[in-house]
Amino acid sequence: MFLLGHEADDLLYFYRVRAGDSNPPGQCFGWDGGLRGSISGLFMMGSGGVLRWEDQPELRTRLEAVVQGIGAAQDPTGYAMAFPYNVSWMHENPDYV
């Protein structure tokens, strides 16, 4: 299945970097290097759509790991994006995303 093409560590890479982990597991891939966190967002949307209609235990486990990983990288103010506050590749305000 396409959605299982990358490990949760890959999807969480930039969340962990932003949270201060200088050597997180996983790797950067695709356009995520520019618009950090976008691939994890697409993964969560796609996984939710699939899991709504059929049970896929491996996909559910990976989705739960990504959601928990983003929560673990959340800062004390509640900010949980994969890039520093008010900084993005496209110079958009992260609150928009």
C-alpha atoms as a PDB file:
ATOM      1  CA  MET A   1       0.000   0.000   0.000  1.00  0.00           C
ATOM      2  CA  PHE A   2       1.322   3.435  -0.997  1.00  0.00           C
ATOM      3  CA  LEU A   3       0.662   4.979   2.421  1.00  0.00           C
ATOM      4  CA  LEU A   4       3.060   2.530   4.043  1.00  0.00           C
ATOM      5  CA  GLY A   5       5.949   3.659   1.837  1.00  0.00           C
ATOM      6  CA  HIS A   6       7.724   5.550   4.645  1.00  0.00           C
ATOM      7  CA  GLU A   7       8.257   4.825   8.307  1.00  0.00           C
ATOM      8  CA  ALA A   8       6.747   6.997  11.028  1.00  0.00           C
ATOM      9  CA  ASP A   9      10.262   8.264  11.846  1.00  0.00           C
ATOM     10  CA  ASP A  10      10.516   9.733   8.328  1.00  0.00           C
ATOM     11  CA  LEU A  11       7.148  11.457   8.716  1.00  0.00           C
ATOM     12  CA  LEU A  12       8.151  12.857  12.113  1.00  0.00           C
ATOM     13  CA  TYR A  13      11.688  13.947  11.185  1.00  0.00           C
ATOM     14  CA  PHE A  14      11.112  17.719  10.999  1.00  0.00           C
ATOM     15  CA  TYR A  15       8.749  17.779  13.983  1.00  0.00           C
ATOM     16  CA  ARG A  16      11.577  16.337  16.069  1.00  0.00           C
ATOM     17  CA  VAL A  17      14.145  18.734  14.597  1.00  0.00           C
ATOM     18  CA  ARG A  18      11.930  21.715  15.465  1.00  0.00           C
ATOM     19  CA  ALA A  19      11.460  20.312  18.980  1.00  0.00           C
ATOM     20  CA  GLY A  20      15.230  20.368  19.485  1.00  0.00           C
ATOM     21  CA  ASP A  21      16.388  16.850  18.602  1.00  0.00           C
ATOM     22  CA  SER A  22      19.692  17.438  16.811  1.00  0.00           C
ATOM     23  CA  ASN A  23      19.921  13.875  15.468  1.00  0.00           C
ATOM     24  CA  PRO A  24      16.399  12.456  15.065  1.00  0.00           C
ATOM     25  CA  PRO A  25      15.745   9.053  13.511  1.00  0.00           C
ATOM     26  CA  GLY A  26      14.327   9.017  10.003  1.00  0.00           C
ATOM     27  CA  GLN A  27      15.163  11.124   7.005  1.00  0.00           C
ATOM     28  CA  CYS A  28      13.918  14.007   4.906  1.00  0.00           C
ATOM     29  CA  PHE A  29      12.406  13.079   1.546  1.00  0.00           C
ATOM     30  CA  GLY A  30      10.494  14.676  -1.305  1.00  0.00           C
ATOM     31  CA  TRP A  31       9.181  18.218  -1.028  1.00  0.00           C
ATOM     32  CA  ASP A  32       9.010  17.861   2.766  1.00  0.00           C
ATOM     33  CA  GLY A  33      12.451  19.483   2.885  1.00  0.00           C
ATOM     34  CA  GLY A  34      10.879  22.746   1.786  1.00  0.00           C
ATOM     35  CA  LEU A  35       7.368  22.651   3.178  1.00  0.00           C
ATOM     36  CA  ARG A  36       8.129  20.724   6.336  1.00  0.00           C
ATOM     37  CA  GLY A  37       5.402  18.492   7.711  1.00  0.00           C
ATOM     38  CA  SER A  38       3.349  18.504   4.528  1.00  0.00           C
ATOM     39  CA  ILE A  39       3.915  14.827   3.790  1.00  0.00           C
ATOM     40  CA  SER A  40       2.883  13.789   7.291  1.00  0.00           C
ATOM     41  CA  GLY A  41      -0.308  15.812   6.856  1.00  0.00           C
ATOM     42  CA  LEU A  42      -1.056  14.099   3.562  1.00  0.00           C
ATOM     43  CA  PHE A  43      -0.309  10.736   5.168  1.00  0.00           C
ATOM     44  CA  MET A  44      -2.757  11.434   8.013  1.00  0.00           C
ATOM     45  CA  MET A  45      -5.513  12.520   5.617  1.00  0.00           C
ATOM     46  CA  GLY A  46      -5.022   9.504   3.359  1.00  0.00           C
ATOM     47  CA  SER A  47      -4.788   7.065   6.241  1.00  0.00           C
ATOM     48  CA  GLY A  48      -7.936   8.433   7.837  1.00  0.00           C
ATOM     49  CA  GLY A  49      -9.777   7.984   4.548  1.00  0.00           C
ATOM     50  CA  VAL A  50      -8.668   4.383   4.153  1.00  0.00           C
ATOM     51  CA  LEU A  51      -9.290   3.443   7.786  1.00  0.00           C
ATOM     52  CA  ARG A  52     -12.778   4.883   7.619  1.00  0.00           C
ATOM     53  CA  TRP A  53     -13.746   2.127   5.200  1.00  0.00           C
ATOM     54  CA  GLU A  54     -11.544  -0.844   6.042  1.00  0.00           C
ATOM     55  CA  ASP A  55      -9.389  -2.046   8.882  1.00  0.00           C
ATOM     56  CA  GLN A  56      -5.684  -2.000   8.081  1.00  0.00           C
ATOM     57  CA  PRO A  57      -3.852  -2.798  11.349  1.00  0.00           C
ATOM     58  CA  GLU A  58      -0.383  -1.793  10.109  1.00  0.00           C
ATOM     59  CA  LEU A  59      -1.685   1.495   8.726  1.00  0.00           C
ATOM     60  CA  ARG A  60      -3.607   2.233  11.943  1.00  0.00           C
ATOM     61  CA  THR A  61      -0.491   1.545  14.013  1.00  0.00           C
ATOM     62  CA  ARG A  62       1.603   3.878  11.862  1.00  0.00           C
ATOM     63  CA  LEU A  63      -1.048   6.617  11.946  1.00  0.00           C
ATOM     64  CA  GLU A  64      -1.235   6.399  15.731  1.00  0.00           C
ATOM     65  CA  ALA A  65       2.572   6.603  15.943  1.00  0.00           C
ATOM     66  CA  VAL A  66       2.593   9.759  13.802  1.00  0.00           C
ATOM     67  CA  VAL A  67      -0.149  11.441  15.838  1.00  0.00           C
ATOM     68  CA  GLN A  68       1.604  10.551  19.099  1.00  0.00           C
ATOM     69  CA  GLY A  69       4.957  11.712  17.704  1.00  0.00           C
ATOM     70  CA  ILE A  70       3.553  15.092  16.722  1.00  0.00           C
ATOM     71  CA  GLY A  71       2.046  15.406  20.187  1.00  0.00           C
ATOM     72  CA  ALA A  72       5.390  14.572  21.771  1.00  0.00           C
ATOM     73  CA  ALA A  73       7.101  17.307  19.701  1.00  0.00           C
ATOM     74  CA  GLN A  74       4.506  19.921  20.666  1.00  0.00           C
ATOM     75  CA  ASP A  75       5.934  22.892  22.519  1.00  0.00           C
ATOM     76  CA  PRO A  76       4.528  24.206  25.829  1.00  0.00           C
ATOM     77  CA  THR A  77       2.357  26.794  24.041  1.00  0.00           C
ATOM     78  CA  GLY A  78       0.640  24.053  22.056  1.00  0.00           C
ATOM     79  CA  TYR A  79       2.452  24.802  18.795  1.00  0.00           C
ATOM     80  CA  ALA A  80       2.925  21.532  16.894  1.00  0.00           C
ATOM     81  CA  MET A  81       4.017  22.357  13.355  1.00  0.00           C
ATOM     82  CA  ALA A  82       7.156  20.897  11.759  1.00  0.00           C
ATOM     83  CA  PHE A  83       8.855  24.288  11.319  1.00  0.00           C
ATOM     84  CA  PRO A  84       9.634  27.136  13.727  1.00  0.00           C
ATOM     85  CA  TYR A  85       6.814  29.550  14.479  1.00  0.00           C
ATOM     86  CA  ASN A  86       6.326  32.157  11.730  1.00  0.00           C
ATOM     87  CA  VAL A  87       8.983  30.571   9.525  1.00  0.00           C
ATOM     88  CA  SER A  88       8.298  28.467   6.447  1.00  0.00           C
ATOM     89  CA  TRP A  89       9.829  27.850   3.062  1.00  0.00           C
ATOM     90  CA  MET A  90       7.000  29.649   1.290  1.00  0.00           C
ATOM     91  CA  HIS A  91       7.099  32.502   3.868  1.00  0.00           C
ATOM     92  CA  GLU A  92       3.510  31.797   4.838  1.00  0.00           C
ATOM     93  CA  ASN A  93       2.404  32.304   8.397  1.00  0.00           C
ATOM     94  CA  PRO A  94       2.215  28.827   9.992  1.00  0.00           C
ATOM     95  CA  ASP A  95      -1.118  29.768  11.548  1.00  0.00           C
ATOM     96  CA  TYR A  96      -2.519  29.631   8.024  1.00  0.00           C
ATOM     97  CA  VAL A  97      -1.362  26.037   7.642  1.00  0.00           C
END
